[in-house]
C-alpha atoms as a PDB file:
ATOM      1  CA  UNK A   1     -40.895 -27.611  63.198  1.00  0.00           C
ATOM      2  CA  UNK A   2     -41.876 -30.418  60.909  1.00  0.00           C
ATOM      3  CA  UNK A   3     -39.635 -33.369  60.499  1.00  0.00           C
ATOM      4  CA  UNK A   4     -37.252 -33.263  57.566  1.00  0.00           C
ATOM      5  CA  UNK A   5     -37.528 -29.535  57.025  1.00  0.00           C
ATOM      6  CA  UNK A   6     -34.639 -27.381  57.802  1.00  0.00           C
ATOM      7  CA  UNK A   7     -34.506 -23.674  57.946  1.00  0.00           C
ATOM      8  CA  UNK A   8     -31.552 -21.418  57.286  1.00  0.00           C
ATOM      9  CA  UNK A   9     -30.628 -18.847  59.812  1.00  0.00           C
ATOM     10  CA  UNK A  10     -32.221 -15.479  59.125  1.00  0.00           C
ATOM     11  CA  UNK A  11     -34.865 -16.882  56.820  1.00  0.00           C
ATOM     12  CA  UNK A  12     -38.335 -17.077  58.157  1.00  0.00           C
ATOM     13  CA  UNK A  13     -40.904 -19.632  57.065  1.00  0.00           C
ATOM     14  CA  UNK A  14     -44.280 -18.332  56.259  1.00  0.00           C
ATOM     15  CA  UNK A  15     -46.919 -19.163  58.741  1.00  0.00           C
ATOM     16  CA  UNK A  16     -50.097 -20.914  58.068  1.00  0.00           C
ATOM     17  CA  UNK A  17     -50.968 -22.485  54.824  1.00  0.00           C
ATOM     18  CA  UNK A  18     -48.028 -22.407  52.394  1.00  0.00           C
ATOM     19  CA  UNK A  19     -48.571 -22.482  48.725  1.00  0.00           C
ATOM     20  CA  UNK A  20     -45.889 -23.036  46.250  1.00  0.00           C
ATOM     21  CA  UNK A  21     -46.070 -20.387  43.550  1.00  0.00           C
ATOM     22  CA  UNK A  22     -44.757 -20.826  39.985  1.00  0.00           C
ATOM     23  CA  UNK A  23     -42.007 -18.372  39.402  1.00  0.00           C
ATOM     24  CA  UNK A  24     -43.137 -15.818  36.864  1.00  0.00           C
ATOM     25  CA  UNK A  25     -40.687 -14.633  34.264  1.00  0.00           C
ATOM     26  CA  UNK A  26     -40.247 -10.951  34.009  1.00  0.00           C
ATOM     27  CA  UNK A  27     -42.398  -9.293  31.335  1.00  0.00           C
ATOM     28  CA  UNK A  28     -39.539  -8.055  29.248  1.00  0.00           C
ATOM     29  CA  UNK A  29     -38.249 -11.616  28.713  1.00  0.00           C
ATOM     30  CA  UNK A  30     -41.629 -12.806  27.508  1.00  0.00           C
ATOM     31  CA  UNK A  31     -41.982  -9.792  25.230  1.00  0.00           C
ATOM     32  CA  UNK A  32     -38.495 -10.316  23.849  1.00  0.00           C
ATOM     33  CA  UNK A  33     -39.193 -14.012  23.124  1.00  0.00           C
ATOM     34  CA  UNK A  34     -42.425 -13.096  21.260  1.00  0.00           C
ATOM     35  CA  UNK A  35     -40.585 -10.375  19.355  1.00  0.00           C
ATOM     36  CA  UNK A  36     -37.792 -12.834  18.422  1.00  0.00           C
ATOM     37  CA  UNK A  37     -40.380 -15.338  17.200  1.00  0.00           C
ATOM     38  CA  UNK A  38     -42.134 -12.649  15.153  1.00  0.00           C
ATOM     39  CA  UNK A  39     -38.999 -11.368  13.560  1.00  0.00           C
ATOM     40  CA  UNK A  40     -37.831 -14.881  12.797  1.00  0.00           C
ATOM     41  CA  UNK A  41     -41.067 -15.796  11.039  1.00  0.00           C
ATOM     42  CA  UNK A  42     -40.885 -12.486   9.060  1.00  0.00           C
ATOM     43  CA  UNK A  43     -37.378 -13.392   8.021  1.00  0.00           C
ATOM     44  CA  UNK A  44     -38.487 -16.829   6.863  1.00  0.00           C
ATOM     45  CA  UNK A  45     -41.459 -15.468   4.874  1.00  0.00           C
ATOM     46  CA  UNK A  46     -39.217 -12.829   3.230  1.00  0.00           C
ATOM     47  CA  UNK A  47     -36.686 -15.465   2.324  1.00  0.00           C
ATOM     48  CA  UNK A  48     -39.287 -17.774   0.867  1.00  0.00           C
ATOM     49  CA  UNK A  49     -40.827 -14.942  -1.282  1.00  0.00           C
ATOM     50  CA  UNK A  50     -37.369 -13.958  -2.519  1.00  0.00           C
ATOM     51  CA  UNK A  51     -36.621 -17.639  -3.412  1.00  0.00           C
ATOM     52  CA  UNK A  52     -40.037 -17.890  -5.135  1.00  0.00           C
ATOM     53  CA  UNK A  53     -39.388 -14.813  -7.224  1.00  0.00           C
ATOM     54  CA  UNK A  54     -36.007 -16.130  -8.310  1.00  0.00           C
ATOM     55  CA  UNK A  55     -37.395 -19.478  -9.187  1.00  0.00           C
ATOM     56  CA  UNK A  56     -40.219 -17.881 -11.242  1.00  0.00           C
ATOM     57  CA  UNK A  57     -37.640 -15.824 -13.175  1.00  0.00           C
ATOM     58  CA  UNK A  58     -35.616 -18.965 -13.911  1.00  0.00           C
ATOM     59  CA  UNK A  59     -38.791 -20.766 -15.054  1.00  0.00           C
ATOM     60  CA  UNK A  60     -39.649 -17.901 -17.403  1.00  0.00           C
ATOM     61  CA  UNK A  61     -36.196 -17.901 -18.843  1.00  0.00           C
ATOM     62  CA  UNK A  62     -36.318 -21.613 -19.311  1.00  0.00           C
ATOM     63  CA  UNK A  63     -39.637 -21.326 -21.076  1.00  0.00           C
ATOM     64  CA  UNK A  64     -38.241 -18.692 -23.354  1.00  0.00           C
ATOM     65  CA  UNK A  65     -35.285 -20.883 -24.214  1.00  0.00           C
ATOM     66  CA  UNK A  66     -37.602 -23.859 -24.829  1.00  0.00           C
ATOM     67  CA  UNK A  67     -39.721 -21.750 -27.289  1.00  0.00           C
ATOM     68  CA  UNK A  68     -36.572 -20.653 -29.157  1.00  0.00           C
ATOM     69  CA  UNK A  69     -35.293 -24.199 -29.383  1.00  0.00           C
ATOM     70  CA  UNK A  70     -38.631 -25.553 -30.470  1.00  0.00           C
ATOM     71  CA  UNK A  71     -38.789 -22.971 -33.265  1.00  0.00           C
ATOM     72  CA  UNK A  72     -35.236 -23.999 -34.267  1.00  0.00           C
ATOM     73  CA  UNK A  73     -36.234 -27.644 -34.357  1.00  0.00           C
ATOM     74  CA  UNK A  74     -39.242 -26.917 -36.590  1.00  0.00           C
ATOM     75  CA  UNK A  75     -37.006 -24.855 -38.919  1.00  0.00           C
ATOM     76  CA  UNK A  76     -34.460 -27.671 -39.155  1.00  0.00           C
ATOM     77  CA  UNK A  77     -37.161 -30.254 -39.743  1.00  0.00           C
ATOM     78  CA  UNK A  78     -38.602 -28.196 -42.620  1.00  0.00           C
ATOM     79  CA  UNK A  79     -35.117 -27.833 -44.069  1.00  0.00           C
ATOM     80  CA  UNK A  80     -34.583 -31.582 -43.898  1.00  0.00           C
ATOM     81  CA  UNK A  81     -37.929 -32.151 -45.705  1.00  0.00           C
ATOM     82  CA  UNK A  82     -36.944 -29.612 -48.359  1.00  0.00           C
ATOM     83  CA  UNK A  83     -33.611 -31.318 -48.925  1.00  0.00           C
ATOM     84  CA  UNK A  84     -35.253 -34.816 -49.163  1.00  0.00           C
ATOM     85  CA  UNK A  85     -37.846 -33.693 -51.655  1.00  0.00           C
ATOM     86  CA  UNK A  86     -37.824 -35.367 -55.052  1.00  0.00           C
ATOM     87  CA  UNK A  87     -37.637 -32.079 -56.961  1.00  0.00           C
ATOM     88  CA  UNK A  88     -34.433 -31.097 -55.171  1.00  0.00           C
ATOM     89  CA  UNK A  89     -32.804 -34.527 -55.553  1.00  0.00           C
ATOM     90  CA  UNK A  90     -33.571 -34.511 -59.313  1.00  0.00           C
ATOM     91  CA  UNK A  91     -32.208 -30.974 -59.646  1.00  0.00           C
ATOM     92  CA  UNK A  92     -29.002 -31.751 -57.709  1.00  0.00           C
ATOM     93  CA  UNK A  93     -28.462 -34.979 -59.677  1.00  0.00           C
ATOM     94  CA  UNK A  94     -28.660 -32.999 -62.872  1.00  0.00           C
ATOM     95  CA  UNK A  95     -26.484 -30.063 -61.807  1.00  0.00           C
ATOM     96  CA  UNK A  96     -23.786 -31.768 -59.811  1.00  0.00           C
ATOM     97  CA  UNK A  97     -23.672 -35.330 -61.163  1.00  0.00           C
ATOM     98  CA  UNK A  98     -24.791 -34.736 -64.709  1.00  0.00           C
ATOM     99  CA  UNK A  99     -27.640 -37.249 -64.463  1.00  0.00           C
ATOM    100  CA  UNK A 100     -30.889 -37.082 -66.357  1.00  0.00           C
ATOM    101  CA  UNK A 101     -34.187 -38.990 -66.493  1.00  0.00           C
ATOM    102  CA  UNK A 102     -33.691 -42.060 -68.677  1.00  0.00           C
ATOM    103  CA  UNK A 103     -35.285 -42.352 -72.055  1.00  0.00           C
ATOM    104  CA  UNK A 104     -37.051 -45.535 -73.151  1.00  0.00           C
ATOM    105  CA  UNK A 105     -33.964 -46.980 -74.885  1.00  0.00           C
ATOM    106  CA  UNK A 106     -31.847 -46.415 -71.737  1.00  0.00           C
ATOM    107  CA  UNK A 107     -34.056 -48.484 -69.484  1.00  0.00           C
ATOM    108  CA  UNK A 108     -33.081 -52.166 -69.148  1.00  0.00           C
ATOM    109  CA  UNK A 109     -35.236 -54.658 -67.376  1.00  0.00           C
ATOM    110  CA  UNK A 110     -33.446 -57.524 -65.652  1.00  0.00           C
ATOM    111  CA  UNK A 111     -35.065 -60.864 -65.333  1.00  0.00           C
ATOM    112  CA  UNK A 112     -35.990 -61.907 -61.828  1.00  0.00           C
ATOM    113  CA  UNK A 113     -34.183 -64.992 -60.533  1.00  0.00           C
ATOM    114  CA  UNK A 114     -36.276 -68.162 -60.028  1.00  0.00           C
ATOM    115  CA  UNK A 115     -37.961 -68.578 -56.610  1.00  0.00           C
ATOM    116  CA  UNK A 116     -35.769 -71.655 -55.932  1.00  0.00           C
ATOM    117  CA  UNK A 117     -32.611 -69.527 -56.150  1.00  0.00           C
ATOM    118  CA  UNK A 118     -34.025 -66.970 -53.682  1.00  0.00           C
ATOM    119  CA  UNK A 119     -34.898 -69.654 -51.170  1.00  0.00           C
ATOM    120  CA  UNK A 120     -31.445 -71.293 -51.426  1.00  0.00           C
ATOM    121  CA  UNK A 121     -29.830 -67.931 -50.846  1.00  0.00           C
ATOM    122  CA  UNK A 122     -31.900 -67.360 -47.743  1.00  0.00           C
ATOM    123  CA  UNK A 123     -30.963 -70.777 -46.280  1.00  0.00           C
ATOM    124  CA  UNK A 124     -27.261 -70.473 -47.010  1.00  0.00           C
ATOM    125  CA  UNK A 125     -25.202 -69.119 -44.069  1.00  0.00           C
END
């Protein structure tokens, strides 16, 4: 026998050239691993598709809400413009406040202060 090699009782060493073989896994283990990988990838794809459908529905809902809010903003802007119009302001001033457009004898022109007085007001703290 070669130095350093021991044999157990009852076990024979092969004669001649010995070759170390890689231990092969049984076929059912390999098949079950591939099946597990396949099923796992199918689960991931299904999950991603479901998530994508949910996100698309949320995006559509958000777009619908945005369109409704934009229409509301436009309506409010038009209402503000209508309320600010000169015709409405004159009408409300007449009806609620009893005001009217002045006649020529109701208009008073005030003299403008001299330029020196304006400059001294601007300089004063």
